[in-house]
C-alpha atoms as a PDB file:
ATOM      1  CA  UNK A   1      69.788 232.667 108.233  1.00  0.00           C
ATOM      2  CA  UNK A   2      72.880 230.556 108.868  1.00  0.00           C
ATOM      3  CA  UNK A   3      76.101 231.964 110.259  1.00  0.00           C
ATOM      4  CA  UNK A   4      79.387 231.374 108.441  1.00  0.00           C
ATOM      5  CA  UNK A   5      81.841 229.222 110.362  1.00  0.00           C
ATOM      6  CA  UNK A   6      85.053 231.261 110.019  1.00  0.00           C
ATOM      7  CA  UNK A   7      85.852 234.943 109.842  1.00  0.00           C
ATOM      8  CA  UNK A   8      87.983 234.397 106.758  1.00  0.00           C
ATOM      9  CA  UNK A   9      85.071 232.835 104.883  1.00  0.00           C
ATOM     10  CA  UNK A  10      82.829 235.735 105.943  1.00  0.00           C
ATOM     11  CA  UNK A  11      85.333 238.358 104.777  1.00  0.00           C
ATOM     12  CA  UNK A  12      85.973 236.639 101.446  1.00  0.00           C
ATOM     13  CA  UNK A  13      82.288 236.242 100.636  1.00  0.00           C
ATOM     14  CA  UNK A  14      81.536 239.790 101.786  1.00  0.00           C
ATOM     15  CA  UNK A  15      84.288 241.115  99.523  1.00  0.00           C
ATOM     16  CA  UNK A  16      82.830 239.216  96.571  1.00  0.00           C
ATOM     17  CA  UNK A  17      79.333 240.522  97.331  1.00  0.00           C
ATOM     18  CA  UNK A  18      80.629 244.094  97.612  1.00  0.00           C
ATOM     19  CA  UNK A  19      82.492 243.765  94.312  1.00  0.00           C
ATOM     20  CA  UNK A  20      79.409 242.423  92.559  1.00  0.00           C
ATOM     21  CA  UNK A  21      76.943 244.967  93.995  1.00  0.00           C
ATOM     22  CA  UNK A  22      78.872 247.945  95.415  1.00  0.00           C
ATOM     23  CA  UNK A  23      75.965 250.403  95.412  1.00  0.00           C
ATOM     24  CA  UNK A  24      73.315 248.372  97.220  1.00  0.00           C
ATOM     25  CA  UNK A  25      75.259 246.103  99.597  1.00  0.00           C
ATOM     26  CA  UNK A  26      75.204 247.072 103.266  1.00  0.00           C
ATOM     27  CA  UNK A  27      77.429 245.998 106.146  1.00  0.00           C
ATOM     28  CA  UNK A  28      75.846 246.028 109.581  1.00  0.00           C
ATOM     29  CA  UNK A  29      77.739 245.498 112.831  1.00  0.00           C
ATOM     30  CA  UNK A  30      76.065 244.885 116.165  1.00  0.00           C
ATOM     31  CA  UNK A  31      77.995 244.704 119.419  1.00  0.00           C
ATOM     32  CA  UNK A  32      76.205 243.196 122.396  1.00  0.00           C
ATOM     33  CA  UNK A  33      77.660 243.692 125.867  1.00  0.00           C
ATOM     34  CA  UNK A  34      75.179 242.218 128.332  1.00  0.00           C
ATOM     35  CA  UNK A  35      74.960 243.739 131.779  1.00  0.00           C
ATOM     36  CA  UNK A  36      74.511 241.910 135.037  1.00  0.00           C
ATOM     37  CA  UNK A  37      71.366 243.759 136.042  1.00  0.00           C
ATOM     38  CA  UNK A  38      68.774 241.610 137.752  1.00  0.00           C
ATOM     39  CA  UNK A  39      66.155 242.139 135.032  1.00  0.00           C
ATOM     40  CA  UNK A  40      68.495 241.004 132.271  1.00  0.00           C
ATOM     41  CA  UNK A  41      69.521 237.887 134.171  1.00  0.00           C
ATOM     42  CA  UNK A  42      65.910 236.927 134.897  1.00  0.00           C
ATOM     43  CA  UNK A  43      64.891 237.536 131.288  1.00  0.00           C
ATOM     44  CA  UNK A  44      67.715 235.298 130.025  1.00  0.00           C
ATOM     45  CA  UNK A  45      66.809 232.627 132.581  1.00  0.00           C
ATOM     46  CA  UNK A  46      63.136 232.622 131.563  1.00  0.00           C
ATOM     47  CA  UNK A  47      63.965 232.383 127.853  1.00  0.00           C
ATOM     48  CA  UNK A  48      66.329 229.485 128.566  1.00  0.00           C
ATOM     49  CA  UNK A  49      63.597 227.680 130.512  1.00  0.00           C
ATOM     50  CA  UNK A  50      61.173 228.151 127.606  1.00  0.00           C
ATOM     51  CA  UNK A  51      63.726 226.849 125.088  1.00  0.00           C
ATOM     52  CA  UNK A  52      64.486 223.808 127.225  1.00  0.00           C
ATOM     53  CA  UNK A  53      60.781 223.087 127.713  1.00  0.00           C
ATOM     54  CA  UNK A  54      60.150 223.265 123.982  1.00  0.00           C
ATOM     55  CA  UNK A  55      63.034 220.906 123.207  1.00  0.00           C
ATOM     56  CA  UNK A  56      62.279 218.316 125.856  1.00  0.00           C
ATOM     57  CA  UNK A  57      58.597 217.473 125.533  1.00  0.00           C
ATOM     58  CA  UNK A  58      59.019 213.744 126.315  1.00  0.00           C
ATOM     59  CA  UNK A  59      62.247 213.967 128.344  1.00  0.00           C
ATOM     60  CA  UNK A  60      62.112 214.116 132.147  1.00  0.00           C
ATOM     61  CA  UNK A  61      61.831 217.619 133.512  1.00  0.00           C
ATOM     62  CA  UNK A  62      65.045 219.110 134.811  1.00  0.00           C
ATOM     63  CA  UNK A  63      65.379 222.673 135.952  1.00  0.00           C
ATOM     64  CA  UNK A  64      68.328 224.452 134.374  1.00  0.00           C
ATOM     65  CA  UNK A  65      70.833 226.210 136.570  1.00  0.00           C
ATOM     66  CA  UNK A  66      70.865 229.977 136.673  1.00  0.00           C
ATOM     67  CA  UNK A  67      72.603 231.381 133.613  1.00  0.00           C
ATOM     68  CA  UNK A  68      76.291 232.070 133.994  1.00  0.00           C
ATOM     69  CA  UNK A  69      77.784 235.415 133.173  1.00  0.00           C
ATOM     70  CA  UNK A  70      77.016 236.371 129.608  1.00  0.00           C
ATOM     71  CA  UNK A  71      79.761 237.011 127.070  1.00  0.00           C
ATOM     72  CA  UNK A  72      79.956 240.064 124.823  1.00  0.00           C
ATOM     73  CA  UNK A  73      79.499 239.293 121.132  1.00  0.00           C
ATOM     74  CA  UNK A  74      80.041 241.034 117.808  1.00  0.00           C
ATOM     75  CA  UNK A  75      77.583 240.144 115.073  1.00  0.00           C
ATOM     76  CA  UNK A  76      78.357 241.082 111.472  1.00  0.00           C
ATOM     77  CA  UNK A  77      75.890 241.058 108.606  1.00  0.00           C
ATOM     78  CA  UNK A  78      76.486 241.792 104.932  1.00  0.00           C
ATOM     79  CA  UNK A  79      73.178 242.194 103.105  1.00  0.00           C
ATOM     80  CA  UNK A  80      72.132 242.931  99.564  1.00  0.00           C
ATOM     81  CA  UNK A  81      68.391 243.701  99.292  1.00  0.00           C
ATOM     82  CA  UNK A  82      68.155 243.300  95.509  1.00  0.00           C
ATOM     83  CA  UNK A  83      69.441 239.722  95.462  1.00  0.00           C
ATOM     84  CA  UNK A  84      68.394 238.752  98.980  1.00  0.00           C
ATOM     85  CA  UNK A  85      71.883 237.509  99.880  1.00  0.00           C
ATOM     86  CA  UNK A  86      72.604 237.796 103.591  1.00  0.00           C
ATOM     87  CA  UNK A  87      75.927 236.770 105.175  1.00  0.00           C
ATOM     88  CA  UNK A  88      76.224 236.462 108.953  1.00  0.00           C
ATOM     89  CA  UNK A  89      79.163 235.975 111.319  1.00  0.00           C
ATOM     90  CA  UNK A  90      79.259 236.096 115.119  1.00  0.00           C
ATOM     91  CA  UNK A  91      82.331 236.118 117.384  1.00  0.00           C
ATOM     92  CA  UNK A  92      83.194 236.640 121.032  1.00  0.00           C
ATOM     93  CA  UNK A  93      86.992 236.729 120.601  1.00  0.00           C
ATOM     94  CA  UNK A  94      88.559 240.107 121.355  1.00  0.00           C
ATOM     95  CA  UNK A  95      91.522 239.728 118.998  1.00  0.00           C
ATOM     96  CA  UNK A  96      89.267 238.774 116.126  1.00  0.00           C
ATOM     97  CA  UNK A  97      87.032 241.828 116.634  1.00  0.00           C
ATOM     98  CA  UNK A  98      89.857 244.257 115.877  1.00  0.00           C
ATOM     99  CA  UNK A  99      90.959 242.329 112.799  1.00  0.00           C
ATOM    100  CA  UNK A 100      87.389 242.130 111.481  1.00  0.00           C
ATOM    101  CA  UNK A 101      86.701 245.842 111.957  1.00  0.00           C
ATOM    102  CA  UNK A 102      89.946 246.755 110.190  1.00  0.00           C
ATOM    103  CA  UNK A 103      89.203 244.406 107.296  1.00  0.00           C
ATOM    104  CA  UNK A 104      85.627 245.654 106.959  1.00  0.00           C
ATOM    105  CA  UNK A 105      86.911 249.228 106.837  1.00  0.00           C
ATOM    106  CA  UNK A 106      89.182 248.270 103.960  1.00  0.00           C
ATOM    107  CA  UNK A 107      86.308 246.500 102.200  1.00  0.00           C
ATOM    108  CA  UNK A 108      84.043 249.520 102.557  1.00  0.00           C
ATOM    109  CA  UNK A 109      86.801 251.720 101.110  1.00  0.00           C
ATOM    110  CA  UNK A 110      86.878 249.562  97.988  1.00  0.00           C
ATOM    111  CA  UNK A 111      89.699 247.074  98.594  1.00  0.00           C
ATOM    112  CA  UNK A 112      89.414 243.737  96.836  1.00  0.00           C
ATOM    113  CA  UNK A 113      90.046 240.272  98.259  1.00  0.00           C
ATOM    114  CA  UNK A 114      93.705 240.359  97.166  1.00  0.00           C
ATOM    115  CA  UNK A 115      94.151 243.718  98.910  1.00  0.00           C
ATOM    116  CA  UNK A 116      93.060 242.203 102.212  1.00  0.00           C
ATOM    117  CA  UNK A 117      95.545 239.358 101.910  1.00  0.00           C
ATOM    118  CA  UNK A 118      92.920 236.776 102.842  1.00  0.00           C
ATOM    119  CA  UNK A 119      93.151 234.211 100.096  1.00  0.00           C
ATOM    120  CA  UNK A 120      96.914 234.071  99.657  1.00  0.00           C
ATOM    121  CA  UNK A 121      98.076 230.856  98.119  1.00  0.00           C
ATOM    122  CA  UNK A 122      99.438 228.607 100.832  1.00  0.00           C
ATOM    123  CA  UNK A 123     102.021 226.086  99.601  1.00  0.00           C
ATOM    124  CA  UNK A 124     101.443 222.455 100.390  1.00  0.00           C
ATOM    125  CA  UNK A 125     103.717 220.641 102.817  1.00  0.00           C
ATOM    126  CA  UNK A 126     105.516 218.602 100.148  1.00  0.00           C
ATOM    127  CA  UNK A 127     105.960 221.381  97.594  1.00  0.00           C
ATOM    128  CA  UNK A 128     109.301 223.129  97.092  1.00  0.00           C
ATOM    129  CA  UNK A 129     109.298 226.817  97.809  1.00  0.00           C
ATOM    130  CA  UNK A 130     111.971 229.030  96.329  1.00  0.00           C
ATOM    131  CA  UNK A 131     113.444 231.317  98.954  1.00  0.00           C
ATOM    132  CA  UNK A 132     114.875 234.495  97.451  1.00  0.00           C
ATOM    133  CA  UNK A 133     117.086 236.847  99.419  1.00  0.00           C
ATOM    134  CA  UNK A 134     116.018 240.439  99.596  1.00  0.00           C
ATOM    135  CA  UNK A 135     118.301 242.834  97.728  1.00  0.00           C
ATOM    136  CA  UNK A 136     120.817 244.476 100.005  1.00  0.00           C
ATOM    137  CA  UNK A 137     120.234 248.192 100.281  1.00  0.00           C
ATOM    138  CA  UNK A 138     122.953 250.465 101.532  1.00  0.00           C
ATOM    139  CA  UNK A 139     121.691 253.055 103.928  1.00  0.00           C
ATOM    140  CA  UNK A 140     124.086 255.887 104.566  1.00  0.00           C
ATOM    141  CA  UNK A 141     124.042 256.911 108.199  1.00  0.00           C
ATOM    142  CA  UNK A 142     124.730 260.590 108.755  1.00  0.00           C
ATOM    143  CA  UNK A 143     127.453 261.459 111.267  1.00  0.00           C
ATOM    144  CA  UNK A 144     126.194 262.139 114.754  1.00  0.00           C
ATOM    145  CA  UNK A 145     125.958 265.877 115.155  1.00  0.00           C
ATOM    146  CA  UNK A 146     125.618 267.734 118.412  1.00  0.00           C
ATOM    147  CA  UNK A 147     127.376 265.133 120.565  1.00  0.00           C
ATOM    148  CA  UNK A 148     130.564 265.746 122.426  1.00  0.00           C
ATOM    149  CA  UNK A 149     133.571 264.062 120.870  1.00  0.00           C
ATOM    150  CA  UNK A 150     134.727 262.546 124.144  1.00  0.00           C
ATOM    151  CA  UNK A 151     131.594 260.410 124.487  1.00  0.00           C
ATOM    152  CA  UNK A 152     131.436 256.922 123.034  1.00  0.00           C
ATOM    153  CA  UNK A 153     128.779 255.793 120.615  1.00  0.00           C
ATOM    154  CA  UNK A 154     127.009 253.671 123.243  1.00  0.00           C
ATOM    155  CA  UNK A 155     126.362 256.596 125.604  1.00  0.00           C
ATOM    156  CA  UNK A 156     123.605 259.114 125.085  1.00  0.00           C
ATOM    157  CA  UNK A 157     123.933 262.871 125.389  1.00  0.00           C
ATOM    158  CA  UNK A 158     121.848 262.941 128.565  1.00  0.00           C
ATOM    159  CA  UNK A 159     124.176 260.715 130.550  1.00  0.00           C
ATOM    160  CA  UNK A 160     123.524 257.673 132.680  1.00  0.00           C
ATOM    161  CA  UNK A 161     120.311 256.994 134.525  1.00  0.00           C
ATOM    162  CA  UNK A 162     120.564 257.415 138.250  1.00  0.00           C
ATOM    163  CA  UNK A 163     119.604 254.463 140.343  1.00  0.00           C
ATOM    164  CA  UNK A 164     117.205 254.769 143.210  1.00  0.00           C
ATOM    165  CA  UNK A 165     113.734 254.012 144.375  1.00  0.00           C
ATOM    166  CA  UNK A 166     111.979 255.967 141.656  1.00  0.00           C
ATOM    167  CA  UNK A 167     110.123 259.290 141.948  1.00  0.00           C
ATOM    168  CA  UNK A 168     110.356 261.044 145.263  1.00  0.00           C
END
């Protein structure tokens, strides 16, 4: 099953699949944080050796270096068993993980693609874009109550901070 190349494509197609089949579509998340235990490192090394041996049947034999530290990954899968559609996405970027989890929560709650703000129309470089000013709203500020009249507006009721070396 192929993985989608971008998170935006994954979220858009997942939203469409959830809109088409809301009752049977499932979203599965799998977070893998590999440890540096000796058994895990050896297991990864042996599987890498097997993969390299299978790929290079005629090539000269080279022994691969020990595997470097493994990176944590988040794998997302949106699956519909009735149609057999399965969407995959994998990432190891920390900032993207938070955005994906938030977006998937919105999708599961029933938001559509427009509600996620994913496929907003982006104007082309040569196109004119009309810039409209926001309407000015007057906000009435209540008078400051509870402050002494002798104090200026820039000072707080607690007074100035004392300088020094910090907590003693």
